[in-house]
Protein backbone atom coordinates (compact mmCIF):
# COMPACT_ATOMS: atom_id res chain seq x y z
CA MET A 1 41.86 51.88 -44.76
CA GLU A 2 39.87 49.17 -42.46
CA ASN A 3 38.61 47.26 -45.90
CA LYS A 4 41.84 47.53 -47.31
CA ARG A 5 43.85 45.23 -45.26
CA PRO A 6 43.81 42.10 -46.26
CA ILE A 7 42.13 39.16 -44.38
CA VAL A 8 44.98 36.37 -43.66
CA GLY A 9 43.43 32.94 -42.58
CA ILE A 10 46.16 31.60 -40.46
CA THR A 11 46.30 27.73 -39.93
CA MET A 12 47.14 26.28 -36.43
CA GLY A 13 49.09 23.75 -38.00
CA ASP A 14 49.18 19.98 -35.92
CA PRO A 15 47.62 20.88 -32.67
CA PHE A 16 50.27 19.37 -31.07
CA GLY A 17 53.12 21.19 -32.59
CA ASN A 18 54.51 24.29 -32.51
CA GLY A 19 51.94 26.19 -34.14
CA PRO A 20 49.51 27.22 -31.58
CA GLU A 21 52.46 28.98 -29.66
CA ILE A 22 54.17 30.77 -32.58
CA THR A 23 50.54 31.63 -33.58
CA LEU A 24 49.83 33.03 -30.61
CA THR A 25 53.66 34.85 -30.38
CA ALA A 26 53.40 36.43 -33.81
CA LEU A 27 49.76 37.80 -33.31
CA SER A 28 50.64 39.62 -29.92
CA ASP A 29 52.46 41.90 -32.69
CA ARG A 30 50.58 45.03 -33.58
CA GLU A 31 52.18 45.43 -36.43
CA PHE A 32 50.21 42.86 -38.24
CA TYR A 33 46.78 43.95 -37.20
CA ASP A 34 47.80 47.44 -38.53
CA ARG A 35 48.74 45.67 -41.91
CA CYS A 36 45.96 42.79 -42.35
CA ARG A 37 42.97 41.33 -40.55
CA PRO A 38 44.17 38.39 -39.35
CA ILE A 39 42.33 35.23 -38.39
CA VAL A 40 43.31 31.77 -36.78
CA ILE A 41 41.64 28.34 -38.27
CA GLY A 42 42.11 25.80 -35.53
CA ASP A 43 40.83 24.84 -32.29
CA ILE A 44 40.03 27.55 -29.18
CA ALA A 45 41.20 24.74 -26.67
CA SER A 46 44.68 24.56 -28.16
CA MET A 47 45.21 28.45 -28.25
CA GLU A 48 43.91 28.67 -24.83
CA TYR A 49 46.36 25.93 -23.93
CA ALA A 50 49.09 28.13 -25.61
CA LEU A 51 48.17 31.39 -23.53
CA LYS A 52 48.54 29.85 -20.36
CA VAL A 53 52.01 29.08 -20.88
CA ALA A 54 52.96 32.59 -22.75
CA LYS A 55 51.70 34.19 -19.77
CA LYS A 56 53.15 31.66 -17.26
CA ARG A 57 56.98 32.26 -19.38
CA GLY A 58 56.05 36.28 -19.35
CA THR A 59 55.71 36.20 -23.42
CA SER A 60 52.49 36.97 -24.20
CA ASP A 61 49.18 39.04 -22.64
CA VAL A 62 46.61 38.70 -25.55
CA SER A 63 43.09 37.42 -25.08
CA LEU A 64 41.12 35.06 -27.26
CA ARG A 65 37.61 35.02 -29.01
CA GLU A 66 36.10 31.93 -30.34
CA VAL A 67 33.93 32.66 -33.80
CA HIS A 68 32.48 30.12 -36.24
CA SER A 69 32.75 32.33 -39.31
CA VAL A 70 34.94 35.33 -40.66
CA ASP A 71 31.61 37.61 -40.18
CA GLU A 72 31.82 37.10 -36.47
CA ALA A 73 35.81 38.57 -36.47
CA LYS A 74 36.41 41.86 -35.43
CA PHE A 75 39.86 41.70 -35.59
CA GLU A 76 41.22 43.92 -33.44
CA TYR A 77 44.54 43.97 -31.75
CA GLY A 78 45.05 42.71 -28.52
CA THR A 79 42.39 39.79 -29.45
CA ILE A 80 43.33 37.12 -31.26
CA ASP A 81 39.93 35.57 -33.65
CA VAL A 82 40.14 31.72 -33.64
CA TYR A 83 37.86 29.92 -36.12
CA SER A 84 37.68 26.95 -33.90
CA LEU A 85 36.35 23.69 -35.68
CA GLY A 86 35.92 21.84 -32.21
CA ILE A 87 38.12 18.91 -33.11
CA ILE A 88 40.66 19.19 -30.19
CA LYS A 89 39.20 19.39 -26.70
CA LYS A 90 40.98 20.73 -23.26
CA GLU A 91 40.61 16.97 -22.36
CA ASP A 92 42.92 15.82 -25.28
CA ILE A 93 45.90 17.99 -24.81
CA PRO A 94 48.60 17.09 -21.91
CA ASP A 95 49.00 19.11 -19.40
CA THR A 96 52.54 20.70 -18.13
CA SER A 97 51.62 24.27 -17.66
CA ASP A 98 51.29 24.37 -14.06
CA LEU A 99 55.39 23.09 -13.83
CA ASP A 100 57.61 25.85 -12.84
CA ASP A 101 59.32 25.33 -16.23
CA PRO A 102 56.28 23.79 -18.76
CA GLN A 103 57.64 20.97 -20.34
CA PRO A 104 56.95 19.46 -24.04
CA PHE A 105 54.11 17.73 -25.36
CA HIS A 106 56.19 14.75 -26.87
CA LEU A 107 53.29 13.41 -28.66
CA TRP A 108 55.15 13.30 -31.75
CA ALA A 109 52.66 11.86 -34.82
CA THR A 110 49.09 11.00 -34.04
CA GLU A 111 45.95 10.29 -35.91
CA LEU A 112 43.97 12.92 -33.74
CA GLY A 113 46.99 15.90 -34.60
CA GLY A 114 46.81 14.43 -38.16
CA GLU A 115 43.02 14.81 -38.59
CA ALA A 116 42.53 18.55 -36.98
CA ALA A 117 46.02 19.54 -38.76
CA PHE A 118 44.21 18.50 -42.06
CA GLN A 119 40.70 19.63 -41.51
CA TYR A 120 42.25 23.75 -40.71
CA VAL A 121 44.11 23.10 -43.80
CA LYS A 122 40.93 22.25 -46.07
CA LYS A 123 38.65 25.13 -44.19
CA VAL A 124 40.95 27.42 -44.89
CA ILE A 125 41.36 26.82 -48.45
CA GLU A 126 37.42 26.81 -48.54
CA LEU A 127 37.04 30.53 -47.20
CA ALA A 128 39.91 31.58 -49.61
CA MET A 129 38.21 29.80 -52.65
CA ALA A 130 34.83 31.37 -51.44
CA LYS A 131 36.83 34.63 -51.07
CA GLU A 132 35.91 35.17 -47.86
CA ILE A 133 39.28 35.86 -46.83
CA ASP A 134 42.20 37.07 -49.24
CA ALA A 135 45.37 35.31 -48.48
CA THR A 136 46.66 31.69 -46.23
CA VAL A 137 48.95 31.24 -44.54
CA THR A 138 50.00 27.46 -42.77
CA ASN A 139 51.75 26.14 -39.97
CA ALA A 140 53.57 22.90 -40.14
CA LEU A 141 51.74 19.98 -40.14
CA ASN A 142 53.10 16.02 -39.27
CA LYS A 143 53.20 14.04 -42.73
CA GLU A 144 53.13 10.77 -40.70
CA GLY A 145 50.21 11.87 -38.52
CA ILE A 146 47.70 12.99 -41.74
CA HIS A 147 48.54 9.58 -43.31
CA MET A 148 47.12 7.78 -40.28
CA ALA A 149 44.32 9.84 -40.32
CA GLY A 150 43.46 8.89 -43.52
CA HIS A 151 44.53 11.58 -45.69
CA ASN A 152 47.38 9.85 -48.29
CA PHE A 153 48.55 13.42 -49.30
CA ASP A 154 52.42 14.27 -49.53
CA GLY A 155 52.53 18.10 -47.76
CA HIS A 156 50.21 21.36 -47.75
CA THR A 157 51.56 22.09 -51.63
CA GLU A 158 49.50 18.83 -52.61
CA ILE A 159 46.26 19.22 -50.67
CA TYR A 160 46.60 22.92 -51.90
CA ALA A 161 46.33 21.96 -55.50
CA HIS A 162 43.81 18.93 -54.95
CA TYR A 163 41.57 21.03 -53.18
CA THR A 164 41.84 24.09 -55.70
CA ASN A 165 41.66 22.41 -59.12
CA THR A 166 45.36 22.87 -59.76
CA GLU A 167 47.69 20.94 -62.43
CA LYS A 168 50.44 23.30 -62.94
CA TYR A 169 52.23 24.44 -59.89
CA SER A 170 55.68 24.28 -57.96
CA MET A 171 56.52 25.45 -54.42
CA MET A 172 58.37 28.64 -53.78
CA LEU A 173 61.25 29.21 -50.68
CA ALA A 174 62.10 32.45 -49.84
CA HIS A 175 64.45 34.03 -47.11
CA GLU A 176 64.34 37.86 -47.44
CA ASP A 177 65.26 38.53 -51.22
CA PHE A 178 66.47 34.64 -51.80
CA ARG A 179 64.15 32.81 -54.04
CA VAL A 180 64.23 29.42 -55.23
CA VAL A 181 61.13 27.21 -57.06
CA HIS A 182 61.21 23.64 -57.64
CA VAL A 183 60.16 21.42 -60.52
CA SER A 184 59.50 18.44 -58.28
CA THR A 185 59.57 18.53 -54.37
CA HIS A 186 58.25 15.46 -52.58
CA CYS A 187 59.07 12.31 -54.49
CA SER A 188 62.72 10.25 -54.51
CA LEU A 189 65.40 11.51 -55.98
CA ARG A 190 65.91 8.73 -58.61
CA GLU A 191 61.85 10.32 -59.40
CA ALA A 192 62.93 13.55 -59.27
CA CYS A 193 65.81 13.54 -62.15
CA ASP A 194 62.77 11.41 -64.27
CA ARG A 195 60.88 14.38 -63.51
CA VAL A 196 62.94 17.01 -65.04
CA LYS A 197 61.46 17.52 -68.68
CA LYS A 198 61.55 20.17 -70.89
CA ASP A 199 57.63 21.07 -70.32
CA ARG A 200 57.81 20.64 -66.83
CA VAL A 201 60.99 23.02 -66.61
CA LEU A 202 59.30 25.60 -69.08
CA ASP A 203 56.30 25.72 -66.60
CA VAL A 204 58.27 26.59 -63.71
CA ILE A 205 59.95 28.95 -65.89
CA ARG A 206 57.32 30.60 -66.42
CA ILE A 207 55.70 30.41 -62.90
CA ALA A 208 59.08 31.79 -61.14
CA ASP A 209 58.98 34.93 -63.45
CA SER A 210 54.80 35.22 -62.70
CA ALA A 211 56.04 34.80 -58.85
CA CYS A 212 58.16 37.94 -59.16
CA ARG A 213 56.04 40.08 -61.08
CA SER A 214 53.48 39.55 -58.49
CA LEU A 215 55.90 40.62 -55.39
CA GLY A 216 56.32 43.81 -57.94
CA ILE A 217 59.72 42.94 -59.86
CA GLU A 218 58.87 44.57 -62.58
CA ASP A 219 61.80 42.67 -64.95
CA PRO A 220 62.50 39.78 -63.01
CA ARG A 221 66.09 37.92 -63.37
CA ILE A 222 65.63 34.17 -63.51
CA ALA A 223 68.36 31.68 -63.14
CA VAL A 224 67.79 27.95 -64.00
CA ALA A 225 70.18 25.24 -62.25
CA GLY A 226 71.35 22.38 -63.71
CA LEU A 227 70.51 19.01 -62.85
CA ASN A 228 73.91 17.20 -62.81
CA PRO A 229 77.59 18.49 -61.84
CA HIS A 230 79.21 20.92 -63.39
CA CYS A 231 75.64 21.14 -65.63
CA GLY A 232 76.70 17.88 -66.92
CA GLU A 233 80.01 18.55 -68.43
CA ASN A 234 78.23 19.00 -72.65
CA GLY A 235 76.66 15.14 -71.46
CA LEU A 236 79.84 13.48 -70.01
CA PHE A 237 77.85 13.42 -66.62
CA GLY A 238 74.45 13.31 -68.45
CA THR A 239 72.48 15.08 -70.71
CA GLU A 240 69.48 16.37 -68.84
CA GLU A 241 70.75 19.78 -69.25
CA ILE A 242 71.13 19.64 -73.12
CA GLU A 243 68.06 17.55 -73.99
CA GLU A 244 65.44 18.97 -71.55
CA ILE A 245 67.04 22.21 -69.71
CA GLN A 246 68.25 24.02 -72.22
CA PRO A 247 65.08 23.83 -74.49
CA ALA A 248 63.03 25.23 -72.09
CA ILE A 249 65.29 27.89 -71.44
CA ASN A 250 65.09 28.79 -75.44
CA GLU A 251 61.10 28.39 -75.27
CA ALA A 252 61.30 30.89 -72.33
CA LEU A 253 63.68 33.21 -74.19
CA ALA A 254 61.64 33.48 -77.18
CA GLU A 255 58.56 34.53 -74.46
CA GLY A 256 60.55 37.01 -73.35
CA ILE A 257 61.65 35.96 -69.98
CA ASN A 258 64.79 37.43 -68.31
CA ILE A 259 67.36 34.61 -68.27
CA PRO A 260 70.60 36.61 -68.45
CA ASP A 261 72.92 33.45 -68.88
CA ARG A 262 70.38 31.86 -71.41
CA ALA A 263 71.82 28.54 -70.18
CA PRO A 264 71.64 26.33 -67.41
CA LEU A 265 74.09 27.20 -64.50
CA PRO A 266 76.15 24.58 -62.28
CA PRO A 267 74.01 24.24 -59.18
CA ASP A 268 77.31 24.76 -56.82
CA SER A 269 77.75 27.97 -57.58
CA VAL A 270 74.06 29.62 -58.72
CA PHE A 271 72.91 30.18 -55.11
CA SER A 272 76.01 32.04 -54.17
CA LYS A 273 75.15 34.11 -57.00
CA ALA A 274 71.56 34.88 -56.27
CA LEU A 275 72.45 35.88 -52.63
CA GLY A 276 75.10 38.09 -53.88
CA GLY A 277 71.94 39.89 -55.79
CA MET A 278 72.56 38.53 -59.52
CA TYR A 279 68.85 36.47 -59.73
CA ASP A 280 65.61 37.39 -58.25
CA ILE A 281 65.01 33.87 -58.00
CA VAL A 282 66.67 30.43 -58.94
CA VAL A 283 64.62 27.51 -60.81
CA CYS A 284 65.88 24.28 -59.26
CA MET A 285 65.43 20.54 -60.43
CA TYR A 286 64.37 18.84 -57.27
CA HIS A 287 63.47 19.41 -53.16
CA ASP A 288 67.11 19.53 -52.03
CA GLN A 289 68.77 21.11 -54.55
CA GLY A 290 66.42 24.27 -53.42
CA HIS A 291 66.05 23.47 -49.82
CA ILE A 292 69.25 23.53 -48.55
CA PRO A 293 70.98 26.52 -49.78
CA THR A 294 67.49 28.42 -48.12
CA LYS A 295 67.96 26.95 -44.80
CA VAL A 296 71.58 27.11 -44.55
CA ILE A 297 70.51 30.80 -45.01
CA GLY A 298 67.47 31.29 -42.77
CA PHE A 299 68.27 28.71 -40.22
CA ARG A 300 71.43 29.69 -37.59
CA TYR A 301 71.90 27.47 -34.53
CA ASN A 302 73.91 28.73 -31.45
CA ARG A 303 76.23 26.24 -30.48
CA GLU A 304 76.83 27.93 -27.51
CA LEU A 305 73.64 27.96 -26.21
CA GLN A 306 72.59 25.15 -27.71
CA LYS A 307 69.36 26.49 -28.99
CA TRP A 308 68.20 28.00 -32.66
CA ASP A 309 68.56 31.32 -32.52
CA ALA A 310 66.84 32.01 -36.22
CA VAL A 311 64.35 29.29 -38.46
CA ALA A 312 63.61 31.94 -40.47
CA GLY A 313 62.35 31.57 -44.15
CA ILE A 314 59.52 30.86 -45.88
CA ASN A 315 57.34 28.47 -48.31
CA VAL A 316 54.64 29.90 -51.03
CA THR A 317 52.83 27.61 -53.57
CA LEU A 318 52.64 29.02 -56.95
CA GLY A 319 50.19 28.88 -59.48
CA LEU A 320 47.29 28.61 -57.55
CA PRO A 321 44.22 30.59 -57.49
CA ILE A 322 44.14 31.32 -54.05
CA ILE A 323 47.37 32.86 -51.48
CA ARG A 324 49.30 30.36 -49.38
CA ALA A 325 52.36 31.02 -47.48
CA SER A 326 54.00 28.81 -45.18
CA VAL A 327 56.38 28.68 -42.24
CA ASP A 328 59.65 26.83 -43.83
CA HIS A 329 59.81 24.57 -40.81
CA GLY A 330 58.21 21.27 -39.07
CA THR A 331 56.16 20.80 -36.39
CA GLY A 332 58.82 21.06 -33.55
CA MET A 333 57.61 18.24 -31.75
CA ASP A 334 60.82 18.15 -29.27
CA ILE A 335 59.71 21.26 -27.81
CA ALA A 336 56.12 21.76 -28.77
CA GLY A 337 53.63 22.23 -25.72
CA ALA A 338 56.58 24.56 -23.92
CA GLY A 339 56.36 27.95 -25.36
CA LEU A 340 59.87 27.79 -26.70
CA ALA A 341 58.87 27.45 -30.02
CA ASN A 342 60.92 30.43 -32.69
CA ASP A 343 58.03 32.63 -34.74
CA ILE A 344 60.71 34.44 -37.08
CA SER A 345 59.24 32.14 -40.16
CA LEU A 346 55.74 32.42 -39.18
CA ARG A 347 56.12 36.59 -39.04
CA ASN A 348 57.72 36.26 -42.26
CA SER A 349 54.77 34.37 -44.06
CA ILE A 350 52.69 36.43 -42.89
CA ASP A 351 54.56 39.39 -44.32
CA TYR A 352 54.87 37.25 -47.60
CA ALA A 353 50.98 36.61 -47.72
CA ILE A 354 49.71 40.43 -46.79
CA ARG A 355 52.55 41.60 -49.71
CA LEU A 356 50.71 39.30 -52.37
CA ALA A 357 47.67 39.70 -51.10
CA ASN A 358 47.97 43.69 -51.55
CA ASN A 359 49.55 43.21 -55.12
CA ARG A 360 46.83 40.95 -56.37
CA GLN A 361 44.38 43.94 -54.96
């Protein structure tokens, strides 16, 4: 049983964000140790601070073990293994933990935080490419921070593609059995429209089919969203559906991929159908087309208590030679450091990484 549990590397995210505390909370659950062998890639100083706050709030009673290689990790419930890179020191962390009510850091984007978060991601990719770990899970980083540190990537997806030498990849968001995958993500809306080309749409349809099969879905039902209102109304509101999307669908159908409607679907109704179980995944044409419905489903704000009841959903980069799942939220800089962050999305991400690793094995 021991050797069958996949080793999952979890990056700490921005050290001044919510990553350390939600990692601590999630790995305080024995279930994950029954299903995988988790190891945190980050810095022991940040994790120790998160533990100090958690103990003050009575939300965790685990301990930490600093390691400097995967081989040193023991993967025992009750003690979290931290592969520490030594970038963040204790004195770098603004300490408000001794207050009766610990307060957030309020550091926002910093060069130090960006550099640390970037190096954690780079290290976890190296470990996965070397097959020292079976899957990777990433906490949120601050894009402004990594740019301040001189790393000009749009986000995790592009970092992973670069360091794995992957040309054809896509972002999948998921909440339970609702899934979307994107033709384009981090670019302007004007550029996103220009990226809706037949070859790229076909690549993403293939990636979507493969992703669902890797989750154990034998014959995935794929919906393809249109780009324009009403799918262009036969060219009245745009011709991308006619000239680019439909030809991609036709070729995918010829390859045996299951696209039940055999045509692009209006974006204003396709997600309701997917939520109702008509499709296993929706191919979206740009970032917000896929992100908005997923977050409307997974993010729940309690208007009476003025707080988030749930920040659920996960982000998976498809097409890579390694497994990468991620939280589907930001660094939460407004509350980070106070022990108040919600760990639901991280739990979901670890669950997805385990499932993908088990199916790959």
